[in-house]
């Protein structure tokens, strides 16, 4: 799903399994990944993205709304 948010084109995915296909289609400049996704965790998603030559050097920011102690 591609939307405009504050002047930026943004793609949203709730499942890690959706990200690779969306990224190949939309060619993002940066990924913002939540640690907790419905079907995987953000670390596994990053590992998967880094295996792709296309996204090996794309900047990635990981965030989470969870409290960390």
Protein backbone atom coordinates (compact mmCIF):
# COMPACT_ATOMS: atom_id res chain seq x y z
CA UNK A 1 0.00 0.00 0.00
CA UNK A 2 1.65 3.22 -1.16
CA UNK A 3 0.45 6.43 0.49
CA UNK A 4 1.68 9.98 0.75
CA UNK A 5 2.52 10.97 4.30
CA UNK A 6 3.87 14.50 4.96
CA UNK A 7 5.12 14.69 1.38
CA UNK A 8 6.81 11.28 1.41
CA UNK A 9 5.71 8.20 -0.53
CA UNK A 10 5.31 5.49 2.12
CA UNK A 11 4.62 1.77 1.80
CA UNK A 12 3.15 -0.08 4.77
CA UNK A 13 3.32 -3.80 5.52
CA UNK A 14 2.07 -5.51 8.68
CA UNK A 15 3.75 -8.82 7.92
CA UNK A 16 7.40 -9.42 7.22
CA UNK A 17 6.39 -11.79 4.44
CA UNK A 18 4.91 -8.82 2.53
CA UNK A 19 8.01 -6.63 2.67
CA UNK A 20 10.26 -8.19 0.00
CA UNK A 21 7.61 -8.01 -2.73
CA UNK A 22 6.59 -4.48 -1.78
CA UNK A 23 10.21 -3.35 -1.67
CA UNK A 24 10.99 -4.83 -5.08
CA UNK A 25 8.00 -2.98 -6.52
CA UNK A 26 8.41 0.37 -4.70
CA UNK A 27 12.24 0.57 -4.44
CA UNK A 28 12.47 2.28 -1.02
CA UNK A 29 15.24 4.71 -0.07
CA UNK A 30 15.06 3.59 3.57
CA UNK A 31 13.29 0.93 5.64
CA UNK A 32 11.63 1.66 8.99
CA UNK A 33 11.01 -1.70 10.63
CA UNK A 34 9.24 -2.49 13.87
CA UNK A 35 10.90 -5.17 15.96
CA UNK A 36 7.57 -6.94 16.52
CA UNK A 37 5.74 -7.96 13.34
CA UNK A 38 2.78 -10.33 13.04
CA UNK A 39 4.69 -13.21 11.44
CA UNK A 40 8.36 -12.57 12.31
CA UNK A 41 10.60 -10.25 14.24
CA UNK A 42 12.41 -7.28 12.74
CA UNK A 43 15.85 -8.85 13.10
CA UNK A 44 14.88 -11.78 10.89
CA UNK A 45 13.38 -9.40 8.35
CA UNK A 46 16.59 -7.36 8.24
CA UNK A 47 18.64 -10.53 7.72
CA UNK A 48 16.38 -11.46 4.84
CA UNK A 49 16.65 -8.00 3.25
CA UNK A 50 20.44 -7.95 3.59
CA UNK A 51 20.68 -11.22 1.63
CA UNK A 52 19.21 -9.39 -1.37
CA UNK A 53 21.85 -7.58 -3.41
CA UNK A 54 19.24 -4.91 -4.19
CA UNK A 55 18.78 -3.99 -0.50
CA UNK A 56 22.18 -4.92 0.94
CA UNK A 57 23.09 -1.25 1.44
CA UNK A 58 19.67 0.35 1.85
CA UNK A 59 19.52 2.18 5.20
CA UNK A 60 17.39 0.46 7.84
CA UNK A 61 15.99 1.95 11.05
CA UNK A 62 14.51 -0.44 13.59
CA UNK A 63 12.08 0.77 16.22
CA UNK A 64 9.66 -0.65 18.73
CA UNK A 65 6.85 0.67 20.85
CA UNK A 66 7.62 -1.94 23.50
CA UNK A 67 9.20 -0.96 26.82
CA UNK A 68 12.72 -2.29 27.24
CA UNK A 69 14.18 -2.67 30.70
